[in-house]
Amino acid sequence: MTISLDNYQPAAQLLEDRIVLVTGAGEGIGKAAALAYAAHGATVILAGRTVAKLEQVYDLIEKTGYPQPSIYPVDLNGAGEDDFNALRDTLEVQFGRLDGLLHNAGELGERTPIANYSLSSWVKVMNVNVTAQFLLTKALLPVLEKSRDAAIIFTSSSVGRKGRAFWGAYAVSKFATEGLSQVLADELDGVSNIRVNCLNPGATRTQMRAKAYPAEDPRTLKSPEQIMAAYLFLMGADSKGINGQSLDAQ
């Protein structure tokens, strides 16, 4: 689906009174999204593996006077069903509902031919990028159902739409992400206030991009902050009625 967001201008209070959870919120696109959501009125739950990075984002949000965020440390590679259910229970007690979920955290894995791909890297990538996102989504559906207007955003990639050599488990995991998003969107269509979409950030100045393309000049890429229009659009009420789509942030 082609939706041009080049001229999209989100309202200042687009996400006012909304509770939004962002995974991988400590750096890169996750950090930029958490700050953008907070700047537009959301109470953001910062989820991630490295507490020190989450605390830095927390301090930035609080210092700017945006709604006070929360921190929830979680390692998507090590967490199990009970851990995600505990997160849901905590959110239900603290907030009573959840209005948005951004699946941003991801694992790149090896950039090597399938013939050389290690099982350990394959398992880790699939666990972080697919299984953990399935478990987290499943656990949080009951609190998302309590929202009048909830949004789930999965992070896709161009290599999750057309496989390319040497992208291994990462590409396969993004194909799976697209499939999970479509299945869930179809299940919820017409029977829920939850909409589900995929978003491909494209070439963006992040550590993962630098790892994947070490010879690339990062100055030629957009910063995470420059692609936030798409993240705000899909998280806010302006995207009501858009469900089961895979969009590009740039």
Protein backbone atom coordinates (compact mmCIF):
# COMPACT_ATOMS: atom_id res chain seq x y z
CA MET A 1 0.00 0.00 0.00
CA THR A 2 1.35 3.42 -0.94
CA ILE A 3 0.68 6.19 1.53
CA SER A 4 2.70 9.37 1.14
CA LEU A 5 3.74 10.82 4.47
CA ASP A 6 6.09 13.44 3.04
CA ASN A 7 3.82 16.29 4.09
CA TYR A 8 2.25 14.66 7.15
CA GLN A 9 2.09 17.08 10.08
CA PRO A 10 1.04 15.36 13.32
CA ALA A 11 -1.02 17.42 15.73
CA ALA A 12 0.92 18.60 18.77
CA GLN A 13 -1.18 16.46 21.12
CA LEU A 14 -1.66 13.55 18.70
CA LEU A 15 -0.94 11.00 21.44
CA GLU A 16 -2.28 12.85 24.46
CA ASP A 17 -3.29 10.49 27.30
CA ARG A 18 -2.09 7.46 25.36
CA ILE A 19 0.05 4.71 26.90
CA VAL A 20 2.65 3.41 24.43
CA LEU A 21 5.28 0.70 24.85
CA VAL A 22 8.44 0.83 22.72
CA THR A 23 10.93 -2.05 22.58
CA GLY A 24 14.58 -1.28 21.95
CA ALA A 25 13.92 2.20 23.33
CA GLY A 26 17.48 2.81 24.50
CA GLU A 27 19.00 3.91 21.20
CA GLY A 28 18.51 4.48 17.50
CA ILE A 29 15.00 4.41 16.07
CA GLY A 30 13.50 3.17 19.35
CA LYS A 31 14.92 6.13 21.25
CA ALA A 32 13.76 8.59 18.58
CA ALA A 33 10.28 7.06 18.58
CA ALA A 34 10.02 7.15 22.37
CA LEU A 35 10.99 10.85 22.38
CA ALA A 36 8.62 11.65 19.50
CA TYR A 37 5.73 9.85 21.17
CA ALA A 38 6.40 11.62 24.46
CA ALA A 39 6.66 14.97 22.68
CA HIS A 40 3.18 14.39 21.26
CA GLY A 41 1.64 13.63 24.65
CA ALA A 42 2.12 9.92 25.22
CA THR A 43 3.19 8.21 28.41
CA VAL A 44 5.94 5.96 27.09
CA ILE A 45 7.03 2.64 28.56
CA LEU A 46 10.70 2.23 27.69
CA ALA A 47 11.48 -1.45 27.20
CA GLY A 48 14.94 -2.75 26.43
CA ARG A 49 17.92 -4.78 27.47
CA THR A 50 20.33 -2.10 28.72
CA VAL A 51 19.02 -0.23 31.74
CA ALA A 52 21.64 2.54 31.55
CA LYS A 53 20.51 3.48 28.03
CA LEU A 54 16.84 3.39 29.04
CA GLU A 55 17.63 5.67 31.97
CA GLN A 56 19.25 8.20 29.65
CA VAL A 57 16.12 8.29 27.50
CA TYR A 58 13.97 8.52 30.64
CA ASP A 59 15.99 11.52 31.83
CA LEU A 60 15.69 13.24 28.43
CA ILE A 61 11.92 12.86 28.44
CA GLU A 62 11.54 14.01 32.02
CA LYS A 63 13.92 16.96 31.59
CA THR A 64 11.90 18.20 28.64
CA GLY A 65 8.69 18.18 30.65
CA TYR A 66 6.89 15.49 28.68
CA PRO A 67 4.64 12.95 30.48
CA GLN A 68 6.66 10.87 32.94
CA PRO A 69 7.76 7.63 31.28
CA SER A 70 8.34 4.20 32.79
CA ILE A 71 11.23 1.77 32.38
CA TYR A 72 10.76 -1.97 31.94
CA PRO A 73 14.02 -3.92 31.43
CA VAL A 74 13.58 -7.00 29.24
CA ASP A 75 15.95 -9.18 27.23
CA LEU A 76 13.97 -10.45 24.25
CA ASN A 77 16.46 -13.25 23.70
CA GLY A 78 16.15 -14.58 27.24
CA ALA A 79 12.56 -13.75 28.19
CA GLY A 80 9.87 -16.40 28.19
CA GLU A 81 6.09 -16.49 28.27
CA ASP A 82 5.95 -15.93 32.03
CA ASP A 83 8.15 -12.83 31.72
CA PHE A 84 5.89 -11.24 29.11
CA ASN A 85 2.79 -12.12 31.12
CA ALA A 86 4.39 -10.42 34.14
CA LEU A 87 4.95 -7.32 32.01
CA ARG A 88 1.28 -7.35 31.03
CA ASP A 89 0.19 -7.69 34.65
CA THR A 90 2.41 -4.78 35.66
CA LEU A 91 0.98 -2.56 32.92
CA GLU A 92 -2.57 -3.49 33.85
CA VAL A 93 -2.02 -2.54 37.47
CA GLN A 94 -0.10 0.64 36.69
CA PHE A 95 -2.06 1.97 33.71
CA GLY A 96 -5.18 -0.19 33.24
CA ARG A 97 -4.70 -0.39 29.48
CA LEU A 98 -2.22 -0.06 26.62
CA ASP A 99 -2.87 2.13 23.57
CA GLY A 100 0.17 1.35 21.45
CA LEU A 101 2.98 -1.15 20.95
CA LEU A 102 6.02 -0.50 18.76
CA HIS A 103 8.07 -3.61 18.07
CA ASN A 104 11.36 -1.88 17.31
CA ALA A 105 14.04 -4.09 18.90
CA GLY A 106 15.78 -6.42 16.49
CA GLU A 107 18.82 -8.62 15.95
CA LEU A 108 20.86 -8.42 12.74
CA GLY A 109 22.78 -11.66 13.03
CA GLU A 110 25.43 -12.75 10.55
CA ARG A 111 25.85 -11.34 7.05
CA THR A 112 27.02 -14.52 5.36
CA PRO A 113 25.81 -17.19 2.91
CA ILE A 114 23.25 -19.69 4.18
CA ALA A 115 25.88 -22.42 3.68
CA ASN A 116 28.04 -20.77 6.34
CA TYR A 117 25.31 -19.55 8.68
CA SER A 118 25.72 -20.71 12.28
CA LEU A 119 22.83 -22.31 14.12
CA SER A 120 23.41 -20.19 17.23
CA SER A 121 23.07 -16.93 15.27
CA TRP A 122 20.03 -18.26 13.40
CA VAL A 123 18.27 -19.21 16.63
CA LYS A 124 19.03 -15.88 18.31
CA VAL A 125 17.78 -13.79 15.37
CA MET A 126 14.57 -15.80 15.03
CA ASN A 127 14.01 -15.68 18.79
CA VAL A 128 14.43 -11.90 19.11
CA ASN A 129 12.80 -10.89 15.83
CA VAL A 130 9.92 -13.38 15.68
CA THR A 131 9.26 -15.55 18.73
CA ALA A 132 9.69 -12.85 21.36
CA GLN A 133 7.50 -10.47 19.35
CA PHE A 134 4.81 -13.15 19.06
CA LEU A 135 4.95 -13.80 22.82
CA LEU A 136 4.96 -10.10 23.73
CA THR A 137 2.05 -9.34 21.40
CA LYS A 138 0.06 -12.31 22.65
CA ALA A 139 0.63 -11.30 26.27
CA LEU A 140 -0.33 -7.67 25.68
CA LEU A 141 -3.47 -8.22 23.59
CA PRO A 142 -5.78 -8.19 26.66
CA VAL A 143 -4.54 -4.74 27.76
CA LEU A 144 -4.56 -3.44 24.19
CA GLU A 145 -8.19 -4.56 23.92
CA LYS A 146 -9.01 -2.17 26.76
CA SER A 147 -8.01 0.79 24.60
CA ARG A 148 -10.62 2.62 22.54
CA ASP A 149 -8.10 2.89 19.71
CA ALA A 150 -4.93 0.78 19.86
CA ALA A 151 -2.07 0.42 17.38
CA ILE A 152 0.55 -2.29 16.97
CA ILE A 153 3.52 -1.52 14.73
CA PHE A 154 5.93 -4.25 13.63
CA THR A 155 9.28 -3.30 12.11
CA SER A 156 9.81 -4.70 8.63
CA SER A 157 12.60 -4.43 6.07
CA SER A 158 13.03 -4.44 2.31
CA VAL A 159 14.74 -7.84 2.68
CA GLY A 160 11.57 -9.10 4.35
CA ARG A 161 9.68 -8.47 1.10
CA LYS A 162 12.27 -9.74 -1.36
CA GLY A 163 15.07 -11.94 -0.08
CA ARG A 164 18.63 -10.96 -0.89
CA ALA A 165 21.85 -12.91 -0.73
CA PHE A 166 23.77 -12.96 2.55
CA TRP A 167 20.94 -11.58 4.68
CA GLY A 168 20.25 -14.98 6.21
CA ALA A 169 18.08 -15.21 9.30
CA TYR A 170 17.42 -11.47 9.38
CA ALA A 171 15.64 -11.55 6.02
CA VAL A 172 13.75 -14.72 6.94
CA SER A 173 12.71 -13.19 10.27
CA LYS A 174 11.35 -10.11 8.51
CA PHE A 175 9.32 -12.26 6.11
CA ALA A 176 7.91 -13.91 9.25
CA THR A 177 7.23 -10.49 10.78
CA GLU A 178 5.24 -9.46 7.73
CA GLY A 179 3.26 -12.70 7.97
CA LEU A 180 2.61 -12.37 11.72
CA SER A 181 1.38 -8.82 11.21
CA GLN A 182 -0.96 -9.81 8.38
CA VAL A 183 -2.40 -12.80 10.24
CA LEU A 184 -3.01 -10.80 13.41
CA ALA A 185 -4.48 -7.86 11.48
CA ASP A 186 -6.91 -10.17 9.69
CA GLU A 187 -7.93 -11.86 12.95
CA LEU A 188 -8.65 -8.51 14.61
CA ASP A 189 -10.28 -6.83 11.61
CA GLY A 190 -13.85 -5.86 12.41
CA VAL A 191 -13.86 -7.43 15.86
CA SER A 192 -11.35 -5.25 17.71
CA ASN A 193 -10.24 -1.63 18.15
CA ILE A 194 -6.65 -2.77 17.53
CA ARG A 195 -5.03 -2.10 14.16
CA VAL A 196 -1.82 -3.88 13.13
CA ASN A 197 0.69 -2.71 10.53
CA CYS A 198 4.29 -3.15 9.45
CA LEU A 199 6.70 -0.28 8.94
CA ASN A 200 9.97 -0.44 7.03
CA PRO A 201 12.26 2.35 8.29
CA GLY A 202 14.51 2.13 5.23
CA ALA A 203 18.17 3.18 5.17
CA THR A 204 18.61 5.04 8.46
CA ARG A 205 21.64 6.16 10.44
CA THR A 206 21.70 3.45 13.13
CA GLN A 207 24.26 1.11 14.64
CA MET A 208 22.58 -1.87 12.97
CA ARG A 209 22.83 -0.19 9.58
CA ALA A 210 26.52 0.58 10.17
CA LYS A 211 27.12 -3.07 11.08
CA ALA A 212 25.35 -4.26 7.94
CA TYR A 213 27.04 -1.71 5.65
CA PRO A 214 30.42 -0.87 7.24
CA ALA A 215 31.70 0.93 4.13
CA GLU A 216 28.68 3.22 3.85
CA ASP A 217 28.97 6.92 4.68
CA PRO A 218 26.39 7.46 7.45
CA ARG A 219 26.15 11.13 6.52
CA THR A 220 24.25 10.07 3.37
CA LEU A 221 21.47 8.55 5.48
CA LYS A 222 18.52 10.11 7.26
CA SER A 223 18.69 10.18 11.03
CA PRO A 224 16.07 8.32 13.09
CA GLU A 225 14.53 11.67 14.02
CA GLN A 226 13.96 12.49 10.34
CA ILE A 227 11.69 9.47 9.74
CA MET A 228 9.37 9.87 12.74
CA ALA A 229 6.36 11.12 10.74
CA ALA A 230 5.49 7.54 9.76
CA TYR A 231 5.89 6.28 13.32
CA LEU A 232 3.62 9.02 14.64
CA PHE A 233 1.06 8.50 11.89
CA LEU A 234 0.67 4.76 12.51
CA MET A 235 0.58 5.19 16.29
CA GLY A 236 -1.98 8.00 16.31
CA ALA A 237 -5.66 8.20 15.48
CA ASP A 238 -4.91 9.63 12.01
CA SER A 239 -4.23 6.04 10.86
CA LYS A 240 -7.60 4.67 11.97
CA GLY A 241 -8.89 2.29 9.32
CA ILE A 242 -5.41 1.34 8.13
CA ASN A 243 -4.88 -2.30 9.08
CA GLY A 244 -2.79 -5.16 7.75
CA GLN A 245 -0.57 -2.89 5.64
CA SER A 246 3.18 -2.71 5.14
CA LEU A 247 4.37 0.87 4.78
CA ASP A 248 7.67 2.64 4.18
CA ALA A 249 8.95 5.38 6.47
CA GLN A 250 10.92 6.97 3.63
